[in-house]
């Protein structure tokens, strides 16, 4: 049978889908009574079903048509790595620009949406995502389940407190309640530093920071860059909050790749090495972190040349 020319074009296409990766769950069953606690039906579940949603469903459709799909997802809540531009409503940032360079090199179109912190690694493992550009810390524990690109950024984790809290160092958090982000390395790092601390987690950094402002905790644990960004946005209210000087950890960030995707990792690392060699990597750093930005980093203290980590 001879293919229609349009079918040939589709099957030869390579498409990068970037967006919210969702797993929709459906429960099916019968209703034979109403709950005595509230006027709602009680369902006797007989079967359940999972379906890909959001950008994952779009990627599935691309594959169904015969094309090759690569799925990329970002956080969209972590300025300046990936966040929503309030003017254009598009997701922009340092890691987004890195992803765009990789997509351009691979010859695929880039479309960007969001993914929750806690969903990053599971979605990659399940094959719903091919590449994570999502403020992902590279450590030995995660190396057991996913692969990483060359390190694209190095930061640390610190603690933000109210200036009038009386808390002067990390040890002062013993027995107190702190807030942070669910699914990241922040919680295990603060528990390691202060074993008897009480930790409450939230889906995003802005939600956790709001919880601190509302008095739901005495401190907010996050990456230094994110804390500096949120502190800068306070304007005149900056004096009400203080970032403690101690580092909880050193955090090398990298792009996440599904375990065993050796060829794809080589492609990604190759693009990153080209960006470093050409000077474009440093230009991206200056664009998003340099002296003219809110974060005002004087210079870059790392190079994109290694995927090795110590811990």
C-alpha atoms as a PDB file:
ATOM      1  CA  UNK A   1       0.000   0.000   0.000  1.00  0.00           C
ATOM      2  CA  UNK A   2       1.309   3.453  -0.913  1.00  0.00           C
ATOM      3  CA  UNK A   3       1.317   6.164   1.760  1.00  0.00           C
ATOM      4  CA  UNK A   4      -0.467   9.439   1.176  1.00  0.00           C
ATOM      5  CA  UNK A   5       2.222  12.190   0.879  1.00  0.00           C
ATOM      6  CA  UNK A   6       0.818  13.950   3.949  1.00  0.00           C
ATOM      7  CA  UNK A   7       1.206  10.752   5.977  1.00  0.00           C
ATOM      8  CA  UNK A   8       4.839  10.508   4.943  1.00  0.00           C
ATOM      9  CA  UNK A   9       5.461  14.057   6.119  1.00  0.00           C
ATOM     10  CA  UNK A  10       3.849  13.362   9.511  1.00  0.00           C
ATOM     11  CA  UNK A  11       5.773  10.139  10.054  1.00  0.00           C
ATOM     12  CA  UNK A  12       9.050  11.875   9.273  1.00  0.00           C
ATOM     13  CA  UNK A  13       8.357  14.687  11.740  1.00  0.00           C
ATOM     14  CA  UNK A  14      10.100  15.114  15.091  1.00  0.00           C
ATOM     15  CA  UNK A  15       7.986  17.128  17.530  1.00  0.00           C
ATOM     16  CA  UNK A  16       8.921  18.413  20.964  1.00  0.00           C
ATOM     17  CA  UNK A  17       5.892  18.843  23.240  1.00  0.00           C
ATOM     18  CA  UNK A  18       6.506  20.953  26.327  1.00  0.00           C
ATOM     19  CA  UNK A  19       3.809  21.395  28.921  1.00  0.00           C
ATOM     20  CA  UNK A  20       1.778  20.281  31.936  1.00  0.00           C
ATOM     21  CA  UNK A  21       2.148  16.533  32.296  1.00  0.00           C
ATOM     22  CA  UNK A  22      -0.914  15.033  33.936  1.00  0.00           C
ATOM     23  CA  UNK A  23      -2.131  11.569  34.800  1.00  0.00           C
ATOM     24  CA  UNK A  24      -5.930  11.556  34.891  1.00  0.00           C
ATOM     25  CA  UNK A  25      -7.530   8.870  37.071  1.00  0.00           C
ATOM     26  CA  UNK A  26     -11.096   7.680  36.592  1.00  0.00           C
ATOM     27  CA  UNK A  27     -13.180   5.512  38.897  1.00  0.00           C
ATOM     28  CA  UNK A  28     -16.216   3.583  37.655  1.00  0.00           C
ATOM     29  CA  UNK A  29     -18.883   1.926  39.759  1.00  0.00           C
ATOM     30  CA  UNK A  30     -22.447   1.841  40.970  1.00  0.00           C
ATOM     31  CA  UNK A  31     -24.342   4.115  43.374  1.00  0.00           C
ATOM     32  CA  UNK A  32     -26.835   2.400  45.654  1.00  0.00           C
ATOM     33  CA  UNK A  33     -27.001   4.739  48.639  1.00  0.00           C
ATOM     34  CA  UNK A  34     -26.490   8.293  49.862  1.00  0.00           C
ATOM     35  CA  UNK A  35     -23.928   9.097  52.550  1.00  0.00           C
ATOM     36  CA  UNK A  36     -25.519   9.771  55.976  1.00  0.00           C
ATOM     37  CA  UNK A  37     -22.839  12.401  56.714  1.00  0.00           C
ATOM     38  CA  UNK A  38     -23.610  14.550  53.676  1.00  0.00           C
ATOM     39  CA  UNK A  39     -26.044  14.534  50.725  1.00  0.00           C
ATOM     40  CA  UNK A  40     -23.586  12.934  48.320  1.00  0.00           C
ATOM     41  CA  UNK A  41     -23.744   9.555  46.554  1.00  0.00           C
ATOM     42  CA  UNK A  42     -21.524   6.696  47.756  1.00  0.00           C
ATOM     43  CA  UNK A  43     -19.888   4.949  44.804  1.00  0.00           C
ATOM     44  CA  UNK A  44     -19.036   1.253  44.932  1.00  0.00           C
ATOM     45  CA  UNK A  45     -15.968   1.234  42.661  1.00  0.00           C
ATOM     46  CA  UNK A  46     -15.758  -1.718  40.285  1.00  0.00           C
ATOM     47  CA  UNK A  47     -12.809  -0.582  38.167  1.00  0.00           C
ATOM     48  CA  UNK A  48     -10.413   2.294  37.679  1.00  0.00           C
ATOM     49  CA  UNK A  49      -8.541   3.659  34.694  1.00  0.00           C
ATOM     50  CA  UNK A  50      -5.570   5.964  34.137  1.00  0.00           C
ATOM     51  CA  UNK A  51      -5.170   8.162  31.049  1.00  0.00           C
ATOM     52  CA  UNK A  52      -2.506  10.611  30.006  1.00  0.00           C
ATOM     53  CA  UNK A  53      -3.592  14.238  30.276  1.00  0.00           C
ATOM     54  CA  UNK A  54      -2.300  17.682  29.344  1.00  0.00           C
ATOM     55  CA  UNK A  55       0.920  17.756  27.351  1.00  0.00           C
ATOM     56  CA  UNK A  56       1.370  14.008  27.877  1.00  0.00           C
ATOM     57  CA  UNK A  57      -1.838  13.389  25.932  1.00  0.00           C
ATOM     58  CA  UNK A  58      -0.643  15.717  23.166  1.00  0.00           C
ATOM     59  CA  UNK A  59       2.602  13.749  22.905  1.00  0.00           C
ATOM     60  CA  UNK A  60       0.649  10.482  22.769  1.00  0.00           C
ATOM     61  CA  UNK A  61      -1.425  11.835  19.884  1.00  0.00           C
ATOM     62  CA  UNK A  62       1.744  12.829  18.027  1.00  0.00           C
ATOM     63  CA  UNK A  63       3.115   9.288  18.395  1.00  0.00           C
ATOM     64  CA  UNK A  64      -0.226   7.792  17.353  1.00  0.00           C
ATOM     65  CA  UNK A  65       0.001   9.753  14.105  1.00  0.00           C
ATOM     66  CA  UNK A  66       3.367   8.157  13.448  1.00  0.00           C
ATOM     67  CA  UNK A  67       5.667  11.058  14.306  1.00  0.00           C
ATOM     68  CA  UNK A  68       8.467  11.038  16.864  1.00  0.00           C
ATOM     69  CA  UNK A  69       7.639  12.997  20.032  1.00  0.00           C
ATOM     70  CA  UNK A  70       9.949  14.353  22.709  1.00  0.00           C
ATOM     71  CA  UNK A  71       8.227  15.661  25.827  1.00  0.00           C
ATOM     72  CA  UNK A  72       9.769  18.423  27.921  1.00  0.00           C
ATOM     73  CA  UNK A  73       8.267  19.945  31.053  1.00  0.00           C
ATOM     74  CA  UNK A  74       9.277  22.765  33.407  1.00  0.00           C
ATOM     75  CA  UNK A  75       8.175  24.079  36.788  1.00  0.00           C
ATOM     76  CA  UNK A  76       6.958  27.504  35.741  1.00  0.00           C
ATOM     77  CA  UNK A  77       7.035  28.815  39.313  1.00  0.00           C
ATOM     78  CA  UNK A  78      10.776  29.235  39.974  1.00  0.00           C
ATOM     79  CA  UNK A  79      12.039  32.618  38.841  1.00  0.00           C
ATOM     80  CA  UNK A  80      14.424  33.093  37.107  1.00  0.00           C
ATOM     81  CA  UNK A  81      14.819  29.443  36.016  1.00  0.00           C
ATOM     82  CA  UNK A  82      11.283  28.990  34.690  1.00  0.00           C
ATOM     83  CA  UNK A  83       8.321  31.251  35.427  1.00  0.00           C
ATOM     84  CA  UNK A  84       5.331  32.924  33.825  1.00  0.00           C
ATOM     85  CA  UNK A  85       6.029  36.370  32.388  1.00  0.00           C
ATOM     86  CA  UNK A  86       3.202  38.547  33.775  1.00  0.00           C
ATOM     87  CA  UNK A  87       3.067  40.551  30.530  1.00  0.00           C
ATOM     88  CA  UNK A  88       3.209  37.872  27.838  1.00  0.00           C
ATOM     89  CA  UNK A  89       1.836  35.012  30.013  1.00  0.00           C
ATOM     90  CA  UNK A  90       4.531  32.824  28.481  1.00  0.00           C
ATOM     91  CA  UNK A  91       6.968  30.712  30.498  1.00  0.00           C
ATOM     92  CA  UNK A  92      10.469  32.146  30.298  1.00  0.00           C
ATOM     93  CA  UNK A  93      13.723  31.806  32.195  1.00  0.00           C
ATOM     94  CA  UNK A  94      17.293  30.517  32.325  1.00  0.00           C
ATOM     95  CA  UNK A  95      16.406  26.825  32.035  1.00  0.00           C
ATOM     96  CA  UNK A  96      13.772  27.592  29.410  1.00  0.00           C
ATOM     97  CA  UNK A  97      16.454  29.216  27.263  1.00  0.00           C
ATOM     98  CA  UNK A  98      18.661  26.146  27.719  1.00  0.00           C
ATOM     99  CA  UNK A  99      15.739  23.927  26.662  1.00  0.00           C
ATOM    100  CA  UNK A 100      15.092  26.168  23.673  1.00  0.00           C
ATOM    101  CA  UNK A 101      18.720  25.817  22.555  1.00  0.00           C
ATOM    102  CA  UNK A 102      18.488  22.024  22.843  1.00  0.00           C
ATOM    103  CA  UNK A 103      15.216  21.940  20.893  1.00  0.00           C
ATOM    104  CA  UNK A 104      16.712  24.140  18.171  1.00  0.00           C
ATOM    105  CA  UNK A 105      19.730  21.849  17.868  1.00  0.00           C
ATOM    106  CA  UNK A 106      17.463  18.788  17.634  1.00  0.00           C
ATOM    107  CA  UNK A 107      15.357  20.530  14.994  1.00  0.00           C
ATOM    108  CA  UNK A 108      12.092  20.328  16.941  1.00  0.00           C
ATOM    109  CA  UNK A 109       9.486  22.925  17.876  1.00  0.00           C
ATOM    110  CA  UNK A 110       9.315  24.039  21.512  1.00  0.00           C
ATOM    111  CA  UNK A 111       6.034  24.504  23.393  1.00  0.00           C
ATOM    112  CA  UNK A 112       6.187  25.206  27.127  1.00  0.00           C
ATOM    113  CA  UNK A 113       3.860  24.683  30.095  1.00  0.00           C
ATOM    114  CA  UNK A 114       4.210  23.664  33.767  1.00  0.00           C
ATOM    115  CA  UNK A 115       4.790  20.683  36.093  1.00  0.00           C
ATOM    116  CA  UNK A 116       4.536  20.396  39.889  1.00  0.00           C
ATOM    117  CA  UNK A 117       7.769  19.849  41.873  1.00  0.00           C
ATOM    118  CA  UNK A 118       6.718  16.499  43.336  1.00  0.00           C
ATOM    119  CA  UNK A 119       5.735  15.158  39.893  1.00  0.00           C
ATOM    120  CA  UNK A 120       9.093  15.764  38.207  1.00  0.00           C
ATOM    121  CA  UNK A 121      10.946  12.504  38.741  1.00  0.00           C
ATOM    122  CA  UNK A 122       7.889  10.172  38.657  1.00  0.00           C
ATOM    123  CA  UNK A 123       6.721  11.604  35.323  1.00  0.00           C
ATOM    124  CA  UNK A 124      10.211  11.166  33.872  1.00  0.00           C
ATOM    125  CA  UNK A 125      10.448   7.577  35.138  1.00  0.00           C
ATOM    126  CA  UNK A 126       7.052   6.674  33.691  1.00  0.00           C
ATOM    127  CA  UNK A 127       8.088   7.894  30.267  1.00  0.00           C
ATOM    128  CA  UNK A 128       5.608  10.773  30.160  1.00  0.00           C
ATOM    129  CA  UNK A 129       8.509  13.263  29.931  1.00  0.00           C
ATOM    130  CA  UNK A 130      11.799  12.997  28.038  1.00  0.00           C
ATOM    131  CA  UNK A 131      13.622  15.939  29.599  1.00  0.00           C
ATOM    132  CA  UNK A 132      13.193  17.904  32.829  1.00  0.00           C
ATOM    133  CA  UNK A 133      14.224  21.559  32.931  1.00  0.00           C
ATOM    134  CA  UNK A 134      12.816  22.136  36.396  1.00  0.00           C
ATOM    135  CA  UNK A 135      15.371  23.358  38.988  1.00  0.00           C
ATOM    136  CA  UNK A 136      16.337  19.731  39.582  1.00  0.00           C
ATOM    137  CA  UNK A 137      19.091  19.019  42.106  1.00  0.00           C
ATOM    138  CA  UNK A 138      21.580  16.381  40.958  1.00  0.00           C
ATOM    139  CA  UNK A 139      22.535  14.074  43.835  1.00  0.00           C
ATOM    140  CA  UNK A 140      23.639  10.469  44.327  1.00  0.00           C
ATOM    141  CA  UNK A 141      20.223   9.378  45.593  1.00  0.00           C
ATOM    142  CA  UNK A 142      18.498  10.543  42.412  1.00  0.00           C
ATOM    143  CA  UNK A 143      21.252   9.054  40.244  1.00  0.00           C
ATOM    144  CA  UNK A 144      19.843   5.653  41.201  1.00  0.00           C
ATOM    145  CA  UNK A 145      16.575   6.377  39.382  1.00  0.00           C
ATOM    146  CA  UNK A 146      17.293   8.951  36.634  1.00  0.00           C
ATOM    147  CA  UNK A 147      20.217  10.332  34.648  1.00  0.00           C
ATOM    148  CA  UNK A 148      21.407  13.932  34.557  1.00  0.00           C
ATOM    149  CA  UNK A 149      22.909  16.301  32.038  1.00  0.00           C
ATOM    150  CA  UNK A 150      26.023  18.339  32.729  1.00  0.00           C
ATOM    151  CA  UNK A 151      25.526  20.648  35.717  1.00  0.00           C
ATOM    152  CA  UNK A 152      23.819  23.822  34.467  1.00  0.00           C
ATOM    153  CA  UNK A 153      23.818  25.840  37.704  1.00  0.00           C
ATOM    154  CA  UNK A 154      25.208  25.680  41.234  1.00  0.00           C
ATOM    155  CA  UNK A 155      23.350  27.156  44.181  1.00  0.00           C
ATOM    156  CA  UNK A 156      22.837  26.526  47.906  1.00  0.00           C
ATOM    157  CA  UNK A 157      19.846  26.180  50.198  1.00  0.00           C
ATOM    158  CA  UNK A 158      19.227  28.750  52.904  1.00  0.00           C
ATOM    159  CA  UNK A 159      16.585  29.854  55.387  1.00  0.00           C
ATOM    160  CA  UNK A 160      14.422  32.989  55.296  1.00  0.00           C
ATOM    161  CA  UNK A 161      12.973  34.254  58.608  1.00  0.00           C
ATOM    162  CA  UNK A 162      11.105  37.295  59.864  1.00  0.00           C
ATOM    163  CA  UNK A 163      13.616  39.830  61.107  1.00  0.00           C
ATOM    164  CA  UNK A 164      11.867  40.167  64.485  1.00  0.00           C
ATOM    165  CA  UNK A 165      11.670  36.388  65.068  1.00  0.00           C
ATOM    166  CA  UNK A 166      14.808  36.256  67.197  1.00  0.00           C
ATOM    167  CA  UNK A 167      16.209  33.473  65.004  1.00  0.00           C
ATOM    168  CA  UNK A 168      19.860  34.197  64.202  1.00  0.00           C
ATOM    169  CA  UNK A 169      21.108  30.844  62.894  1.00  0.00           C
ATOM    170  CA  UNK A 170      19.853  27.495  61.671  1.00  0.00           C
ATOM    171  CA  UNK A 171      20.284  25.827  65.078  1.00  0.00           C
ATOM    172  CA  UNK A 172      17.653  28.205  66.502  1.00  0.00           C
ATOM    173  CA  UNK A 173      15.004  26.336  64.456  1.00  0.00           C
ATOM    174  CA  UNK A 174      15.091  23.338  66.820  1.00  0.00           C
ATOM    175  CA  UNK A 175      11.554  22.399  67.838  1.00  0.00           C
ATOM    176  CA  UNK A 176      10.032  25.066  65.604  1.00  0.00           C
ATOM    177  CA  UNK A 177       7.808  24.872  62.518  1.00  0.00           C
ATOM    178  CA  UNK A 178       9.313  25.684  59.116  1.00  0.00           C
ATOM    179  CA  UNK A 179       7.729  25.703  55.655  1.00  0.00           C
ATOM    180  CA  UNK A 180       9.181  24.534  52.365  1.00  0.00           C
ATOM    181  CA  UNK A 181       8.341  22.918  48.994  1.00  0.00           C
ATOM    182  CA  UNK A 182       6.985  19.394  48.654  1.00  0.00           C
ATOM    183  CA  UNK A 183       9.050  16.872  46.706  1.00  0.00           C
ATOM    184  CA  UNK A 184      12.388  18.711  46.651  1.00  0.00           C
ATOM    185  CA  UNK A 185      15.632  18.275  48.599  1.00  0.00           C
ATOM    186  CA  UNK A 186      14.772  21.143  50.957  1.00  0.00           C
ATOM    187  CA  UNK A 187      12.912  19.001  53.513  1.00  0.00           C
ATOM    188  CA  UNK A 188      15.564  16.273  53.932  1.00  0.00           C
ATOM    189  CA  UNK A 189      18.303  18.911  54.107  1.00  0.00           C
ATOM    190  CA  UNK A 190      16.651  20.921  56.904  1.00  0.00           C
ATOM    191  CA  UNK A 191      15.813  17.717  58.798  1.00  0.00           C
ATOM    192  CA  UNK A 192      19.467  16.669  58.538  1.00  0.00           C
ATOM    193  CA  UNK A 193      20.622  20.053  59.842  1.00  0.00           C
ATOM    194  CA  UNK A 194      17.955  20.273  62.583  1.00  0.00           C
ATOM    195  CA  UNK A 195      16.647  16.751  63.406  1.00  0.00           C
ATOM    196  CA  UNK A 196      13.769  17.893  65.652  1.00  0.00           C
ATOM    197  CA  UNK A 197      12.401  20.591  63.355  1.00  0.00           C
ATOM    198  CA  UNK A 198       8.703  20.499  62.367  1.00  0.00           C
ATOM    199  CA  UNK A 199       8.332  20.728  58.568  1.00  0.00           C
ATOM    200  CA  UNK A 200       5.184  21.724  56.654  1.00  0.00           C
ATOM    201  CA  UNK A 201       5.334  21.430  52.841  1.00  0.00           C
ATOM    202  CA  UNK A 202       3.508  23.255  50.030  1.00  0.00           C
ATOM    203  CA  UNK A 203       3.215  22.621  46.286  1.00  0.00           C
ATOM    204  CA  UNK A 204       5.138  25.756  45.214  1.00  0.00           C
ATOM    205  CA  UNK A 205       7.645  28.258  46.550  1.00  0.00           C
ATOM    206  CA  UNK A 206       5.207  31.189  46.424  1.00  0.00           C
ATOM    207  CA  UNK A 207       2.684  29.182  48.478  1.00  0.00           C
ATOM    208  CA  UNK A 208       5.323  28.368  51.094  1.00  0.00           C
ATOM    209  CA  UNK A 209       6.482  31.987  51.263  1.00  0.00           C
ATOM    210  CA  UNK A 210       2.903  33.148  51.692  1.00  0.00           C
ATOM    211  CA  UNK A 211       2.542  30.654  54.548  1.00  0.00           C
ATOM    212  CA  UNK A 212       5.569  32.236  56.246  1.00  0.00           C
ATOM    213  CA  UNK A 213       4.037  35.687  55.854  1.00  0.00           C
ATOM    214  CA  UNK A 214       0.788  34.375  57.358  1.00  0.00           C
ATOM    215  CA  UNK A 215       2.614  33.026  60.400  1.00  0.00           C
ATOM    216  CA  UNK A 216       2.150  29.324  59.561  1.00  0.00           C
ATOM    217  CA  UNK A 217       5.852  28.807  60.203  1.00  0.00           C
ATOM    218  CA  UNK A 218       8.823  30.744  61.582  1.00  0.00           C
ATOM    219  CA  UNK A 219      11.105  30.057  58.615  1.00  0.00           C
ATOM    220  CA  UNK A 220      11.055  29.246  54.898  1.00  0.00           C
ATOM    221  CA  UNK A 221      13.658  26.847  53.452  1.00  0.00           C
ATOM    222  CA  UNK A 222      14.467  27.094  49.739  1.00  0.00           C
ATOM    223  CA  UNK A 223      17.259  27.478  47.187  1.00  0.00           C
ATOM    224  CA  UNK A 224      19.236  30.669  47.746  1.00  0.00           C
ATOM    225  CA  UNK A 225      18.405  32.021  44.288  1.00  0.00           C
ATOM    226  CA  UNK A 226      14.661  31.631  44.852  1.00  0.00           C
ATOM    227  CA  UNK A 227      14.885  33.229  48.292  1.00  0.00           C
ATOM    228  CA  UNK A 228      16.843  36.192  46.888  1.00  0.00           C
ATOM    229  CA  UNK A 229      14.251  36.617  44.146  1.00  0.00           C
ATOM    230  CA  UNK A 230      11.285  36.512  46.533  1.00  0.00           C
ATOM    231  CA  UNK A 231      13.053  38.835  48.967  1.00  0.00           C
ATOM    232  CA  UNK A 232      13.760  41.336  46.171  1.00  0.00           C
ATOM    233  CA  UNK A 233      10.061  41.412  45.227  1.00  0.00           C
ATOM    234  CA  UNK A 234       9.100  42.634  48.711  1.00  0.00           C
ATOM    235  CA  UNK A 235      10.229  46.188  47.971  1.00  0.00           C
ATOM    236  CA  UNK A 236       9.965  48.349  51.079  1.00  0.00           C
ATOM    237  CA  UNK A 237       8.982  45.294  53.126  1.00  0.00           C
ATOM    238  CA  UNK A 238      12.403  43.651  52.605  1.00  0.00           C
ATOM    239  CA  UNK A 239      13.573  44.838  56.031  1.00  0.00           C
ATOM    240  CA  UNK A 240      10.907  42.635  57.642  1.00  0.00           C
ATOM    241  CA  UNK A 241      12.674  39.468  56.454  1.00  0.00           C
ATOM    242  CA  UNK A 242      16.234  38.164  56.744  1.00  0.00           C
ATOM    243  CA  UNK A 243      18.099  35.348  54.971  1.00  0.00           C
ATOM    244  CA  UNK A 244      20.292  33.454  57.443  1.00  0.00           C
ATOM    245  CA  UNK A 245      23.970  33.317  56.381  1.00  0.00           C
ATOM    246  CA  UNK A 246      24.502  29.552  56.753  1.00  0.00           C
ATOM    247  CA  UNK A 247      24.175  27.211  53.765  1.00  0.00           C
ATOM    248  CA  UNK A 248      22.205  24.021  54.384  1.00  0.00           C
ATOM    249  CA  UNK A 249      23.754  22.435  51.304  1.00  0.00           C
ATOM    250  CA  UNK A 250      25.421  23.028  47.949  1.00  0.00           C
ATOM    251  CA  UNK A 251      22.972  22.210  45.147  1.00  0.00           C
ATOM    252  CA  UNK A 252      24.206  21.414  41.616  1.00  0.00           C
ATOM    253  CA  UNK A 253      21.237  21.744  39.247  1.00  0.00           C
ATOM    254  CA  UNK A 254      20.950  19.810  35.987  1.00  0.00           C
ATOM    255  CA  UNK A 255      18.467  18.693  33.359  1.00  0.00           C
ATOM    256  CA  UNK A 256      16.802  15.363  34.138  1.00  0.00           C
ATOM    257  CA  UNK A 257      16.919  12.506  31.622  1.00  0.00           C
ATOM    258  CA  UNK A 258      15.238   9.101  31.791  1.00  0.00           C
ATOM    259  CA  UNK A 259      17.539   6.347  33.069  1.00  0.00           C
ATOM    260  CA  UNK A 260      19.390   4.578  30.293  1.00  0.00           C
ATOM    261  CA  UNK A 261      18.742   7.146  27.529  1.00  0.00           C
ATOM    262  CA  UNK A 262      22.442   7.233  26.655  1.00  0.00           C
ATOM    263  CA  UNK A 263      22.138   8.678  23.145  1.00  0.00           C
ATOM    264  CA  UNK A 264      19.703  11.391  24.222  1.00  0.00           C
ATOM    265  CA  UNK A 265      21.964  12.378  27.140  1.00  0.00           C
ATOM    266  CA  UNK A 266      24.894  12.630  24.729  1.00  0.00           C
ATOM    267  CA  UNK A 267      22.863  14.961  22.487  1.00  0.00           C
ATOM    268  CA  UNK A 268      21.813  17.160  25.411  1.00  0.00           C
ATOM    269  CA  UNK A 269      25.337  17.304  26.869  1.00  0.00           C
ATOM    270  CA  UNK A 270      26.724  18.093  23.416  1.00  0.00           C
ATOM    271  CA  UNK A 271      24.491  21.144  23.085  1.00  0.00           C
ATOM    272  CA  UNK A 272      25.409  22.316  26.589  1.00  0.00           C
ATOM    273  CA  UNK A 273      29.135  21.948  25.832  1.00  0.00           C
ATOM    274  CA  UNK A 274      28.681  24.000  22.655  1.00  0.00           C
ATOM    275  CA  UNK A 275      26.911  26.740  24.635  1.00  0.00           C
ATOM    276  CA  UNK A 276      29.769  26.779  27.153  1.00  0.00           C
ATOM    277  CA  UNK A 277      32.508  26.833  24.528  1.00  0.00           C
ATOM    278  CA  UNK A 278      30.872  29.614  22.501  1.00  0.00           C
ATOM    279  CA  UNK A 279      30.266  31.817  25.529  1.00  0.00           C
ATOM    280  CA  UNK A 280      26.490  31.632  25.110  1.00  0.00           C
ATOM    281  CA  UNK A 281      26.109  29.816  28.443  1.00  0.00           C
ATOM    282  CA  UNK A 282      27.717  32.704  30.304  1.00  0.00           C
ATOM    283  CA  UNK A 283      25.563  35.189  28.362  1.00  0.00           C
ATOM    284  CA  UNK A 284      22.443  33.325  29.525  1.00  0.00           C
ATOM    285  CA  UNK A 285      23.715  33.449  33.117  1.00  0.00           C
ATOM    286  CA  UNK A 286      24.280  37.212  32.892  1.00  0.00           C
ATOM    287  CA  UNK A 287      20.847  37.668  31.271  1.00  0.00           C
ATOM    288  CA  UNK A 288      18.983  35.952  34.116  1.00  0.00           C
ATOM    289  CA  UNK A 289      21.319  36.292  37.129  1.00  0.00           C
ATOM    290  CA  UNK A 290      23.835  39.048  36.347  1.00  0.00           C
ATOM    291  CA  UNK A 291      24.461  42.532  37.779  1.00  0.00           C
ATOM    292  CA  UNK A 292      21.581  44.123  35.845  1.00  0.00           C
ATOM    293  CA  UNK A 293      18.973  41.658  37.219  1.00  0.00           C
ATOM    294  CA  UNK A 294      17.143  41.685  40.546  1.00  0.00           C
ATOM    295  CA  UNK A 295      19.501  38.975  41.835  1.00  0.00           C
ATOM    296  CA  UNK A 296      22.642  40.953  40.910  1.00  0.00           C
ATOM    297  CA  UNK A 297      25.134  38.062  40.862  1.00  0.00           C
ATOM    298  CA  UNK A 298      28.526  39.680  40.096  1.00  0.00           C
ATOM    299  CA  UNK A 299      29.813  36.732  38.039  1.00  0.00           C
ATOM    300  CA  UNK A 300      29.396  33.031  37.359  1.00  0.00           C
ATOM    301  CA  UNK A 301      31.396  30.741  39.669  1.00  0.00           C
ATOM    302  CA  UNK A 302      30.913  27.496  37.719  1.00  0.00           C
ATOM    303  CA  UNK A 303      31.244  26.090  34.210  1.00  0.00           C
ATOM    304  CA  UNK A 304      28.969  23.687  32.320  1.00  0.00           C
ATOM    305  CA  UNK A 305      31.539  20.946  31.871  1.00  0.00           C
ATOM    306  CA  UNK A 306      30.817  18.060  34.267  1.00  0.00           C
ATOM    307  CA  UNK A 307      28.032  15.734  35.400  1.00  0.00           C
ATOM    308  CA  UNK A 308      29.871  14.541  38.526  1.00  0.00           C
ATOM    309  CA  UNK A 309      28.590  15.277  42.036  1.00  0.00           C
ATOM    310  CA  UNK A 310      29.982  14.516  45.490  1.00  0.00           C
ATOM    311  CA  UNK A 311      26.819  13.590  47.389  1.00  0.00           C
END
